[in-house]
Amino acid sequence: MCKCEEGTLVKILPSNGSPNSFNGEELRLSSISSSKEMDEYVVMQSQMYKMIFKKRKIMSSDRQKRLSIVKICCNGKSIHRAFRSESTKDFNKGFVGLSTHSIYMLSQEKELATGTKVYLSKGSWWKYYWNNPNSAVMMSFRIGVIGILITLAGVNLTNLCQCVKYLIHWISCLLAC
């Protein structure tokens, strides 16, 4: 378990045309047509930002303002999601909204029930992109990292070959003399 803030898990669902609403178990958002649209996000009240990141969002760096990653832990498993704030009546700072897919990723053997306690802390952008729920984002990041590593290995291999070639030339000159 991580040393973090505590929250109560709720499921994010589309509101089907009505305004945002919260009934204690489901957060219904008018801005989405499918809960899958929220797979990359954790939805909380804006006061949670200061509790997790130890400063208000307006006081954060530009990078942090663009993408604030939250680590969500439960029963030894963790996922990383981008912070998103939504205001809805009765959706207070104690609640943590996740999509059905994100809840499955955090679950073990059976789906976590709404009302389950989860633990929140500042997350890692590396883990967010490496395990992103959007497969296009995840694969682009992984291919980019692998490409950079192959390039570095190739450059170092070229340098190594040049050193070996120079060493062979030097040794052959010594033997010829």
Protein backbone atom coordinates (compact mmCIF):
# COMPACT_ATOMS: atom_id res chain seq x y z
CA MET A 1 0.00 0.00 0.00
CA CYS A 2 1.30 3.45 -0.82
CA LYS A 3 1.71 6.40 1.54
CA CYS A 4 -1.03 8.57 0.07
CA GLU A 5 -4.35 10.36 0.30
CA GLU A 6 -7.43 8.19 0.68
CA GLY A 7 -10.50 8.28 -1.57
CA THR A 8 -13.69 6.36 -2.25
CA LEU A 9 -14.02 4.70 -5.66
CA VAL A 10 -16.98 5.59 -7.91
CA LYS A 11 -17.72 4.56 -11.49
CA ILE A 12 -17.85 7.11 -14.34
CA LEU A 13 -20.72 6.74 -16.80
CA PRO A 14 -22.24 8.97 -19.52
CA SER A 15 -25.30 10.98 -18.45
CA ASN A 16 -27.17 10.51 -21.75
CA GLY A 17 -28.00 14.16 -22.29
CA SER A 18 -28.86 15.23 -18.75
CA PRO A 19 -26.53 17.45 -16.68
CA ASN A 20 -23.70 16.00 -14.56
CA SER A 21 -25.04 14.03 -11.61
CA PHE A 22 -23.75 11.92 -8.74
CA ASN A 23 -25.73 9.40 -6.68
CA GLY A 24 -22.95 8.22 -4.34
CA GLU A 25 -21.91 5.27 -6.55
CA GLU A 26 -21.94 6.58 -10.13
CA LEU A 27 -20.67 9.87 -11.50
CA ARG A 28 -22.62 10.64 -14.67
CA LEU A 29 -20.96 13.15 -17.00
CA SER A 30 -22.73 15.03 -19.79
CA SER A 31 -19.43 15.68 -21.64
CA ILE A 32 -18.93 12.00 -22.61
CA SER A 33 -20.87 9.50 -24.71
CA SER A 34 -19.00 6.43 -23.36
CA SER A 35 -17.05 5.73 -20.17
CA LYS A 36 -14.19 4.57 -22.45
CA GLU A 37 -13.49 8.26 -23.19
CA MET A 38 -12.37 8.59 -19.55
CA ASP A 39 -9.95 5.61 -19.52
CA GLU A 40 -6.91 7.93 -19.34
CA TYR A 41 -8.30 10.05 -16.50
CA VAL A 42 -9.11 10.00 -12.82
CA VAL A 43 -11.91 12.43 -11.97
CA MET A 44 -11.84 14.21 -8.62
CA GLN A 45 -12.90 17.48 -7.11
CA SER A 46 -10.32 20.25 -7.64
CA GLN A 47 -9.48 20.37 -3.89
CA MET A 48 -7.88 16.94 -4.26
CA TYR A 49 -5.17 18.43 -6.49
CA LYS A 50 -3.66 20.34 -3.57
CA MET A 51 -3.92 17.31 -1.30
CA ILE A 52 -2.03 15.11 -3.78
CA PHE A 53 0.48 17.56 -5.32
CA LYS A 54 0.94 19.74 -2.19
CA LYS A 55 0.13 22.98 -4.06
CA ARG A 56 -2.71 24.49 -6.02
CA LYS A 57 -2.74 23.77 -9.74
CA ILE A 58 -2.27 27.47 -10.57
CA MET A 59 1.00 27.42 -8.60
CA SER A 60 2.31 24.36 -10.49
CA SER A 61 4.79 24.38 -13.37
CA ASP A 62 3.43 24.65 -16.92
CA ARG A 63 4.28 20.99 -17.51
CA GLN A 64 2.37 19.98 -14.37
CA LYS A 65 -0.61 22.13 -15.41
CA ARG A 66 -0.79 20.39 -18.79
CA LEU A 67 -0.48 16.87 -17.41
CA SER A 68 -0.78 16.03 -13.72
CA ILE A 69 -0.42 12.28 -13.18
CA VAL A 70 -2.05 10.56 -10.21
CA LYS A 71 -1.05 7.12 -8.96
CA ILE A 72 -4.09 5.16 -7.76
CA CYS A 73 -3.40 2.15 -5.51
CA CYS A 74 -5.67 -0.58 -4.21
CA ASN A 75 -4.79 -4.00 -2.75
CA GLY A 76 -1.19 -3.90 -3.98
CA LYS A 77 -2.04 -2.90 -7.58
CA SER A 78 -1.60 0.56 -9.04
CA ILE A 79 -2.48 2.50 -12.18
CA HIS A 80 -1.48 5.98 -13.34
CA ARG A 81 -4.10 8.36 -14.71
CA ALA A 82 -4.22 12.04 -15.67
CA PHE A 83 -5.97 14.30 -13.13
CA ARG A 84 -9.28 15.76 -14.29
CA SER A 85 -11.61 17.87 -12.23
CA GLU A 86 -15.39 17.91 -12.58
CA SER A 87 -17.85 19.75 -10.44
CA THR A 88 -21.10 18.01 -9.64
CA LYS A 89 -23.45 18.39 -6.70
CA ASP A 90 -22.45 16.08 -3.82
CA PHE A 91 -19.28 14.90 -5.62
CA ASN A 92 -16.90 16.08 -2.89
CA LYS A 93 -13.20 15.68 -2.21
CA GLY A 94 -13.57 12.18 -0.83
CA PHE A 95 -14.58 10.58 -4.14
CA VAL A 96 -12.42 9.20 -6.97
CA GLY A 97 -14.06 8.58 -10.34
CA LEU A 98 -12.65 5.94 -12.70
CA SER A 99 -13.92 4.40 -15.93
CA THR A 100 -15.02 0.77 -15.94
CA HIS A 101 -11.82 -0.22 -17.78
CA SER A 102 -9.61 1.55 -15.21
CA ILE A 103 -11.49 -0.19 -12.39
CA TYR A 104 -10.82 -3.55 -14.11
CA MET A 105 -7.12 -2.69 -14.39
CA LEU A 106 -7.02 -1.97 -10.65
CA SER A 107 -9.02 -5.09 -9.74
CA GLN A 108 -7.77 -8.53 -8.80
CA GLU A 109 -9.87 -11.62 -9.53
CA LYS A 110 -13.17 -9.69 -9.27
CA GLU A 111 -14.19 -6.12 -10.08
CA LEU A 112 -13.70 -3.60 -7.29
CA ALA A 113 -17.01 -2.49 -5.86
CA THR A 114 -17.99 1.15 -5.75
CA GLY A 115 -17.22 2.48 -2.31
CA THR A 116 -13.86 0.66 -2.16
CA LYS A 117 -11.08 2.71 -0.58
CA VAL A 118 -8.27 3.66 -2.96
CA TYR A 119 -5.05 5.53 -2.21
CA LEU A 120 -3.78 8.46 -4.25
CA SER A 121 -0.34 10.01 -4.69
CA LYS A 122 1.68 11.93 -7.25
CA GLY A 123 2.26 9.63 -10.21
CA SER A 124 4.96 9.03 -12.82
CA TRP A 125 4.54 10.33 -16.37
CA TRP A 126 6.81 7.50 -17.54
CA LYS A 127 4.47 4.81 -16.13
CA TYR A 128 1.44 6.76 -17.40
CA TYR A 129 2.69 6.64 -21.00
CA TRP A 130 4.29 3.16 -20.80
CA ASN A 131 0.99 1.60 -19.58
CA ASN A 132 -1.46 4.07 -21.15
CA PRO A 133 -4.96 2.63 -21.66
CA ASN A 134 -5.01 4.15 -25.16
CA SER A 135 -3.06 1.57 -27.16
CA ALA A 136 -1.98 4.10 -29.83
CA VAL A 137 -0.39 6.33 -27.16
CA MET A 138 1.21 3.36 -25.39
CA MET A 139 2.67 1.82 -28.57
CA SER A 140 3.93 5.18 -29.88
CA PHE A 141 5.76 5.77 -26.61
CA ARG A 142 7.21 2.26 -26.47
CA ILE A 143 8.34 2.29 -30.12
CA GLY A 144 9.92 5.72 -29.58
CA VAL A 145 11.85 4.53 -26.52
CA ILE A 146 12.98 1.34 -28.28
CA GLY A 147 14.02 3.37 -31.34
CA ILE A 148 16.13 5.70 -29.21
CA LEU A 149 17.80 2.74 -27.48
CA ILE A 150 18.57 1.05 -30.81
CA THR A 151 19.99 4.30 -32.17
CA LEU A 152 22.21 4.74 -29.13
CA ALA A 153 23.39 1.13 -29.37
CA GLY A 154 24.10 1.58 -33.10
CA VAL A 155 26.11 4.75 -32.52
CA ASN A 156 28.10 3.07 -29.77
CA LEU A 157 28.61 -0.03 -31.91
CA THR A 158 29.96 2.16 -34.74
CA ASN A 159 32.33 3.88 -32.32
CA LEU A 160 33.40 0.51 -30.95
CA CYS A 161 34.11 -0.80 -34.47
CA GLN A 162 36.20 2.29 -35.24
CA CYS A 163 38.18 1.79 -32.02
CA VAL A 164 38.78 -1.89 -32.81
CA LYS A 165 39.82 -0.97 -36.37
CA TYR A 166 42.27 1.65 -35.02
CA LEU A 167 43.61 -0.84 -32.45
CA ILE A 168 44.19 -3.49 -35.13
CA HIS A 169 45.94 -0.95 -37.34
CA TRP A 170 48.13 0.19 -34.42
CA ILE A 171 49.06 -3.39 -33.48
CA SER A 172 49.88 -4.29 -37.11
CA CYS A 173 52.15 -1.18 -37.35
CA LEU A 174 53.94 -2.27 -34.16
CA LEU A 175 54.45 -5.78 -35.46
CA ALA A 176 55.72 -4.52 -38.85
CA CYS A 177 58.41 -2.40 -37.24
